Amino acid sequence: MLAAAILTATFAQTATIKVFVVSYFPVQGDQMDRSATGDVGGSYADLKAKTQRLTKEACDALEKGSTFRGYKLSSPPSLRYEVVGEIEIKEAIPTRPKQGNNPPLPDYNAIMKRIDAKKWVEEKGVNEVWMWGYHGNNGLWESNMASPTGDISNSDRDPNDLPVFKRTYTVYHYNYGRGLGEMLENHMHQFEHLLNHVDGRETTPPEKWNELLFWGKFVGSDYSHKIVTNPARCGWTHYAPNSERDYDWTNPRYVETDIEDWHPDKIGKTQRMNADRWDRDPIKWRIYWLQAIPGLGHELTHNGRKLRNWWSFKADWDRAKREKWTLVE
C-alpha cells in the first residue's frame, strides 16, 4: 500500500520537462546562407528572433495543452517546460549519407557530441533536445528518441543514430522556415507513439486496433487512421472528430462527438460540433486535442480502475518502462 501511495503521489503535481536548445544558423555576414540551408534565407537577426519567440510559444502551448480539459476546468498543467541550456552554432548542420535518404540526414551523433549532450542528459536532467535548423539540404526526424530501453519515436528508429545514455532523451528537430503548428505536431506525434507503444498497438493485429484503449476508444480510429466511431471520439493529430481526411482541421461539417466528456467505458455527453469549436485554427485544434488527454485532476476509470495520468509517460519514460506501466493505474 505504501509503494502504491508513493507512486500515485509522484505524479499528483506538475512535472518539469527540461529542455536544451541547439540552433544551427549558417550565415554569410548578417544574412542566412541559402546555399547551406537550401530553403531559408533572409536576415540572421530576424530568424534568430523568430526561433526564440517560437521556443517560448511552444513551451507555453505545450504546458497549456497538458491541462486536462483546460478550456472548461481549472486543472493544473501536468507538464511545465523549462529551457535549462542553449547553444548557437553558425555553421551548416553536419550530415551523413544513409541509404534511402536523399537529401542526407543530419549526423545526430556528431551534433550530440558537439553540445556535450551526455552531460546535459545524465547530470543536468535534460529530457528533450530542441534543435533548430532547416529542411532544404537535409532531411530530418520530427522526433528521435535515445533510450536504454529502445527508440520509440516518429523516426525510422535506427538504434545507432543517437548516442544512448543512462537516461532517456528525445530530440525534436524543427524547421525554422515553418511555425508553431508544426512544432506542436512534432510533440503530438511523439506522444501518440508513446501511448500506442504502451497500449500494445505495435503487437496488435491491425484489424483489432479499434479495440485498443488509446487508438480505438480514445482516438476512435482503426487501421485506416480515420475517425470511424459514431459518435466521434477525440481524434488524433491529423484528424479532428469531424475530419474527412488528413490535416482537415477547418472542416465545417458537423458531427456528434463526446470529446469534451470522453469516457473509456461508455459514450459521454455528446455535442454537435465542427471546426468552429477551435475557431478553425489548426494551432487551437492541437491544444484542444492535447487537453483531452487524461491528466492531473481527471477522474476517469476503465473497467473499474483509474486511468493513469497519461502525461506521466512524457515525464518519466524510464520509470514507466522499468515498472511496466500501462494506461491504467
Protein backbone atom coordinates (compact mmCIF):
# COMPACT_ATOMS: atom_id res chain seq x y z
CA MET A 1 0.00 0.00 0.00
CA LEU A 2 2.82 2.39 0.85
CA ALA A 3 4.54 1.82 -2.50
CA ALA A 4 1.26 2.42 -4.32
CA ALA A 5 0.69 5.63 -2.38
CA ILE A 6 4.17 6.89 -3.25
CA LEU A 7 3.64 6.04 -6.91
CA THR A 8 0.37 7.93 -7.01
CA ALA A 9 1.80 10.94 -5.21
CA THR A 10 4.73 11.19 -7.61
CA PHE A 11 2.51 12.44 -10.42
CA ALA A 12 -0.03 14.28 -8.28
CA GLN A 13 1.73 17.51 -9.16
CA THR A 14 3.15 19.23 -12.23
CA ALA A 15 6.32 17.64 -13.63
CA THR A 16 9.07 19.68 -15.30
CA ILE A 17 10.41 18.82 -18.74
CA LYS A 18 13.94 20.18 -19.02
CA VAL A 19 14.91 21.36 -22.48
CA PHE A 20 18.25 22.08 -24.14
CA VAL A 21 18.07 24.17 -27.33
CA VAL A 22 20.65 23.93 -30.13
CA SER A 23 20.30 26.26 -33.13
CA TYR A 24 22.16 25.98 -36.43
CA PHE A 25 22.44 29.29 -38.31
CA PRO A 26 24.79 29.04 -41.30
CA VAL A 27 25.47 32.67 -42.21
CA GLN A 28 27.21 34.91 -44.70
CA GLY A 29 27.75 38.19 -42.93
CA ASP A 30 24.43 39.20 -41.39
CA GLN A 31 22.36 37.05 -43.75
CA MET A 32 21.44 33.38 -43.76
CA ASP A 33 23.44 31.35 -46.26
CA ARG A 34 20.75 29.93 -48.56
CA SER A 35 23.33 27.79 -50.32
CA ALA A 36 23.77 25.96 -46.99
CA THR A 37 20.13 25.80 -45.92
CA GLY A 38 18.69 25.14 -49.36
CA ASP A 39 15.38 26.75 -48.43
CA VAL A 40 15.73 29.55 -45.87
CA GLY A 41 17.38 32.92 -46.45
CA GLY A 42 16.96 36.44 -45.09
CA SER A 43 18.25 38.21 -42.03
CA TYR A 44 20.05 36.14 -39.41
CA ALA A 45 18.87 38.50 -36.66
CA ASP A 46 15.23 38.19 -37.73
CA LEU A 47 15.42 34.40 -37.95
CA LYS A 48 17.11 34.12 -34.56
CA ALA A 49 14.39 36.30 -33.02
CA LYS A 50 11.75 34.08 -34.64
CA THR A 51 13.22 30.88 -33.18
CA GLN A 52 13.47 32.45 -29.73
CA ARG A 53 9.84 33.57 -29.91
CA LEU A 54 8.65 30.18 -31.16
CA THR A 55 10.60 28.32 -28.47
CA LYS A 56 8.79 30.31 -25.79
CA GLU A 57 5.42 29.97 -27.52
CA ALA A 58 5.87 26.21 -27.82
CA CYS A 59 6.74 25.87 -24.12
CA ASP A 60 3.62 27.86 -23.22
CA ALA A 61 1.37 25.96 -25.65
CA LEU A 62 2.59 22.53 -24.52
CA GLU A 63 2.05 23.48 -20.88
CA LYS A 64 -1.44 24.75 -21.69
CA GLY A 65 -2.14 21.59 -23.66
CA SER A 66 -1.32 19.43 -20.63
CA THR A 67 -4.18 20.95 -18.58
CA PHE A 68 -6.97 18.37 -18.54
CA ARG A 69 -10.00 19.93 -20.27
CA GLY A 70 -8.44 23.27 -19.52
CA TYR A 71 -10.99 25.01 -21.77
CA LYS A 72 -13.63 24.41 -19.07
CA LEU A 73 -11.89 23.10 -15.93
CA SER A 74 -9.36 24.75 -13.63
CA SER A 75 -6.98 21.81 -13.92
CA PRO A 76 -3.28 22.31 -13.17
CA PRO A 77 -0.86 21.58 -16.02
CA SER A 78 0.63 18.10 -15.95
CA LEU A 79 3.85 19.38 -17.53
CA ARG A 80 5.91 22.52 -17.35
CA TYR A 81 8.68 23.19 -19.87
CA GLU A 82 11.94 24.83 -18.79
CA VAL A 83 14.83 25.74 -21.09
CA VAL A 84 17.91 24.98 -18.98
CA GLY A 85 20.60 25.44 -21.62
CA GLU A 86 21.16 26.52 -25.20
CA ILE A 87 23.86 26.89 -27.81
CA GLU A 88 24.03 28.63 -31.18
CA ILE A 89 26.22 27.29 -33.98
CA LYS A 90 26.80 29.49 -37.03
CA GLU A 91 27.58 26.60 -39.31
CA ALA A 92 25.72 24.20 -41.59
CA ILE A 93 24.18 21.12 -39.97
CA PRO A 94 26.59 18.17 -40.27
CA THR A 95 25.09 15.36 -42.31
CA ARG A 96 25.79 11.73 -43.00
CA PRO A 97 24.79 9.67 -46.01
CA LYS A 98 22.23 6.97 -45.42
CA GLN A 99 20.83 4.54 -47.96
CA GLY A 100 17.31 5.50 -48.95
CA ASN A 101 17.60 9.07 -47.67
CA ASN A 102 18.05 11.87 -50.17
CA PRO A 103 18.79 14.55 -49.09
CA PRO A 104 21.03 13.14 -46.35
CA LEU A 105 20.05 13.09 -42.71
CA PRO A 106 21.75 15.19 -40.04
CA ASP A 107 24.59 13.48 -38.20
CA TYR A 108 22.79 13.48 -34.86
CA ASN A 109 25.66 11.62 -33.17
CA ALA A 110 28.08 14.40 -34.11
CA ILE A 111 25.61 17.06 -33.00
CA MET A 112 25.06 15.44 -29.60
CA LYS A 113 28.83 15.21 -29.12
CA ARG A 114 29.24 18.87 -30.11
CA ILE A 115 26.76 20.05 -27.46
CA ASP A 116 28.01 17.61 -24.78
CA ALA A 117 24.56 16.03 -24.58
CA LYS A 118 25.79 13.32 -22.20
CA LYS A 119 26.45 15.94 -19.51
CA TRP A 120 23.14 17.69 -20.07
CA VAL A 121 21.11 14.46 -20.01
CA GLU A 122 22.88 12.50 -17.28
CA GLU A 123 23.99 15.33 -14.98
CA LYS A 124 21.53 18.15 -15.67
CA GLY A 125 18.42 16.02 -16.15
CA VAL A 126 17.55 17.21 -19.67
CA ASN A 127 14.58 15.33 -21.12
CA GLU A 128 14.43 16.91 -24.56
CA VAL A 129 16.83 18.49 -27.04
CA TRP A 130 15.13 21.03 -29.30
CA MET A 131 17.09 21.53 -32.49
CA TRP A 132 16.50 24.47 -34.82
CA GLY A 133 17.54 24.04 -38.43
CA TYR A 134 16.30 23.76 -41.98
CA HIS A 135 14.89 21.16 -44.35
CA GLY A 136 16.22 22.11 -47.76
CA ASN A 137 19.63 20.47 -47.97
CA ASN A 138 18.98 17.73 -45.41
CA GLY A 139 16.16 15.56 -44.14
CA LEU A 140 15.11 15.48 -40.52
CA TRP A 141 13.21 13.41 -37.98
CA GLU A 142 10.39 15.26 -36.27
CA SER A 143 11.25 13.32 -33.11
CA ASN A 144 14.02 10.85 -32.37
CA MET A 145 14.49 9.03 -29.06
CA ALA A 146 17.62 7.60 -27.48
CA SER A 147 16.91 5.28 -24.56
CA PRO A 148 18.39 2.31 -22.72
CA THR A 149 15.10 0.54 -23.48
CA GLY A 150 14.92 1.32 -27.19
CA ASP A 151 13.76 4.03 -29.58
CA ILE A 152 10.04 4.82 -29.57
CA SER A 153 9.72 7.86 -31.81
CA ASN A 154 8.48 9.30 -35.08
CA SER A 155 11.63 8.26 -36.93
CA ASP A 156 12.97 5.14 -38.60
CA ARG A 157 14.10 4.07 -35.09
CA ASP A 158 17.69 3.50 -36.09
CA PRO A 159 19.37 2.30 -32.85
CA ASN A 160 22.69 3.85 -33.88
CA ASP A 161 21.77 7.37 -34.99
CA LEU A 162 21.93 8.88 -31.48
CA PRO A 163 24.22 8.16 -28.53
CA VAL A 164 22.43 6.21 -25.79
CA PHE A 165 22.96 7.45 -22.23
CA LYS A 166 21.81 6.24 -18.82
CA ARG A 167 18.63 8.32 -19.14
CA THR A 168 16.16 8.61 -22.00
CA TYR A 169 16.06 11.81 -24.03
CA THR A 170 14.23 12.83 -27.19
CA VAL A 171 15.47 15.13 -29.95
CA TYR A 172 12.87 17.33 -31.66
CA HIS A 173 14.15 18.80 -34.93
CA TYR A 174 12.32 21.95 -36.05
CA ASN A 175 12.43 23.72 -39.40
CA TYR A 176 12.74 27.44 -38.73
CA GLY A 177 11.10 28.11 -42.05
CA ARG A 178 7.83 26.97 -40.50
CA GLY A 179 5.88 27.80 -37.35
CA LEU A 180 4.31 26.88 -34.03
CA GLY A 181 1.79 24.47 -35.51
CA GLU A 182 4.49 22.23 -36.91
CA MET A 183 6.40 22.33 -33.61
CA LEU A 184 3.32 21.16 -31.71
CA GLU A 185 2.68 18.47 -34.29
CA ASN A 186 6.18 17.05 -33.69
CA HIS A 187 5.33 16.68 -30.00
CA MET A 188 1.85 15.30 -30.61
CA HIS A 189 3.06 12.57 -32.95
CA GLN A 190 5.77 11.62 -30.46
CA PHE A 191 3.19 11.38 -27.68
CA GLU A 192 0.95 9.24 -29.90
CA HIS A 193 3.86 6.86 -30.49
CA LEU A 194 4.48 6.55 -26.75
CA LEU A 195 0.83 5.87 -25.95
CA ASN A 196 0.42 3.41 -28.81
CA HIS A 197 3.54 1.57 -27.66
CA VAL A 198 2.32 1.36 -24.06
CA ASP A 199 -1.11 0.26 -25.26
CA GLY A 200 0.33 -2.54 -27.39
CA ARG A 201 -0.60 -1.36 -30.87
CA GLU A 202 2.75 -2.50 -32.27
CA THR A 203 1.94 -6.11 -31.35
CA THR A 204 -1.81 -5.98 -32.08
CA PRO A 205 -3.17 -7.10 -35.47
CA PRO A 206 -4.42 -4.03 -37.37
CA GLU A 207 -7.93 -5.45 -37.60
CA LYS A 208 -8.12 -5.17 -33.78
CA TRP A 209 -6.75 -1.65 -33.40
CA ASN A 210 -10.30 -0.39 -32.88
CA GLU A 211 -10.41 -2.38 -29.60
CA LEU A 212 -7.38 -0.66 -28.07
CA LEU A 213 -7.83 1.81 -25.24
CA PHE A 214 -5.91 4.69 -26.81
CA TRP A 215 -6.26 4.23 -30.57
CA GLY A 216 -9.70 2.64 -30.58
CA LYS A 217 -11.56 4.09 -27.61
CA PHE A 218 -9.85 7.48 -27.17
CA VAL A 219 -8.97 8.37 -30.76
CA GLY A 220 -11.92 6.50 -32.26
CA SER A 221 -9.96 5.02 -35.15
CA ASP A 222 -8.79 1.71 -36.61
CA TYR A 223 -6.21 0.59 -39.17
CA SER A 224 -7.50 3.25 -41.60
CA HIS A 225 -6.38 6.09 -39.28
CA LYS A 226 -9.72 7.79 -40.00
CA ILE A 227 -12.36 8.54 -37.36
CA VAL A 228 -14.68 5.55 -37.61
CA THR A 229 -16.80 5.75 -34.45
CA ASN A 230 -20.31 7.21 -34.30
CA PRO A 231 -20.49 9.38 -32.31
CA ALA A 232 -16.93 10.53 -32.95
CA ARG A 233 -14.46 10.24 -30.10
CA CYS A 234 -11.41 12.51 -29.61
CA GLY A 235 -9.45 12.17 -32.85
CA TRP A 236 -5.68 12.48 -33.24
CA THR A 237 -3.13 14.94 -34.59
CA HIS A 238 -4.20 14.75 -38.24
CA TYR A 239 -7.90 14.11 -37.64
CA ALA A 240 -10.34 16.17 -35.60
CA PRO A 241 -13.64 14.44 -34.74
CA ASN A 242 -15.27 15.87 -37.88
CA SER A 243 -12.30 15.47 -40.25
CA GLU A 244 -12.68 13.60 -43.52
CA ARG A 245 -9.01 13.47 -44.49
CA ASP A 246 -5.55 14.21 -43.08
CA TYR A 247 -4.89 17.79 -41.90
CA ASP A 248 -8.60 18.54 -42.20
CA TRP A 249 -8.74 20.90 -39.20
CA THR A 250 -11.02 23.58 -40.70
CA ASN A 251 -13.87 21.38 -41.91
CA PRO A 252 -17.33 22.99 -41.42
CA ARG A 253 -19.03 19.57 -41.36
CA TYR A 254 -20.93 18.88 -38.12
CA VAL A 255 -20.72 15.58 -36.22
CA GLU A 256 -21.81 14.34 -32.81
CA THR A 257 -18.79 13.84 -30.54
CA ASP A 258 -18.10 13.26 -26.85
CA ILE A 259 -14.57 14.71 -26.91
CA GLU A 260 -15.44 17.09 -24.06
CA ASP A 261 -16.92 14.29 -21.93
CA TRP A 262 -14.94 11.26 -23.10
CA HIS A 263 -15.11 8.09 -21.01
CA PRO A 264 -13.32 4.87 -21.96
CA ASP A 265 -16.17 2.52 -20.99
CA LYS A 266 -19.15 4.44 -22.33
CA ILE A 267 -20.17 7.26 -24.61
CA GLY A 268 -20.14 10.52 -22.69
CA LYS A 269 -22.36 13.51 -23.23
CA THR A 270 -22.18 14.38 -26.91
CA GLN A 271 -22.50 17.68 -28.69
CA ARG A 272 -22.86 18.74 -32.29
CA MET A 273 -19.50 20.12 -33.32
CA ASN A 274 -17.49 21.34 -36.26
CA ALA A 275 -14.21 23.23 -36.61
CA ASP A 276 -15.80 26.42 -35.30
CA ARG A 277 -15.20 24.93 -31.82
CA TRP A 278 -11.49 25.76 -32.22
CA ASP A 279 -12.10 28.79 -34.48
CA ARG A 280 -10.95 26.77 -37.48
CA ASP A 281 -7.43 27.41 -36.20
CA PRO A 282 -5.03 24.45 -36.56
CA ILE A 283 -2.94 25.59 -33.57
CA LYS A 284 -6.01 25.90 -31.36
CA TRP A 285 -7.11 22.43 -32.54
CA ARG A 286 -3.80 20.94 -31.43
CA ILE A 287 -4.02 22.48 -27.95
CA TYR A 288 -7.69 21.49 -27.66
CA TRP A 289 -6.84 17.88 -28.52
CA LEU A 290 -3.96 17.76 -26.05
CA GLN A 291 -6.35 18.94 -23.33
CA ALA A 292 -8.48 15.84 -23.92
CA ILE A 293 -5.59 13.63 -22.69
CA PRO A 294 -6.23 12.28 -19.14
CA GLY A 295 -4.07 14.48 -16.93
CA LEU A 296 -3.91 15.91 -13.44
CA GLY A 297 -7.36 16.15 -11.86
CA HIS A 298 -9.11 13.64 -14.10
CA GLU A 299 -11.48 11.08 -12.57
CA LEU A 300 -11.71 8.66 -15.49
CA THR A 301 -11.79 4.90 -14.95
CA HIS A 302 -11.54 1.85 -17.19
CA ASN A 303 -13.02 -1.46 -16.06
CA GLY A 304 -13.16 -0.16 -12.51
CA ARG A 305 -9.54 1.07 -12.41
CA LYS A 306 -8.49 4.70 -12.59
CA LEU A 307 -6.69 5.78 -15.71
CA ARG A 308 -3.11 6.83 -15.15
CA ASN A 309 -2.14 10.42 -15.81
CA TRP A 310 -1.02 9.76 -19.38
CA TRP A 311 1.38 12.71 -19.29
CA SER A 312 3.46 10.71 -16.81
CA PHE A 313 4.88 8.77 -19.77
CA LYS A 314 6.40 12.03 -21.02
CA ALA A 315 7.51 12.99 -17.51
CA ASP A 316 9.42 9.77 -16.75
CA TRP A 317 9.66 7.29 -19.61
CA ASP A 318 12.47 5.37 -17.91
CA ARG A 319 10.37 4.69 -14.83
CA ALA A 320 7.36 3.82 -16.96
CA LYS A 321 9.38 1.15 -18.76
CA ARG A 322 11.10 -0.08 -15.61
CA GLU A 323 7.84 -0.51 -13.73
CA LYS A 324 5.87 -1.67 -16.80
CA TRP A 325 3.22 1.00 -16.52
CA THR A 326 0.02 0.67 -18.54
CA LEU A 327 -2.58 3.32 -19.34
CA VAL A 328 -4.46 2.41 -16.16
CA GLU A 329 -3.08 2.51 -12.61
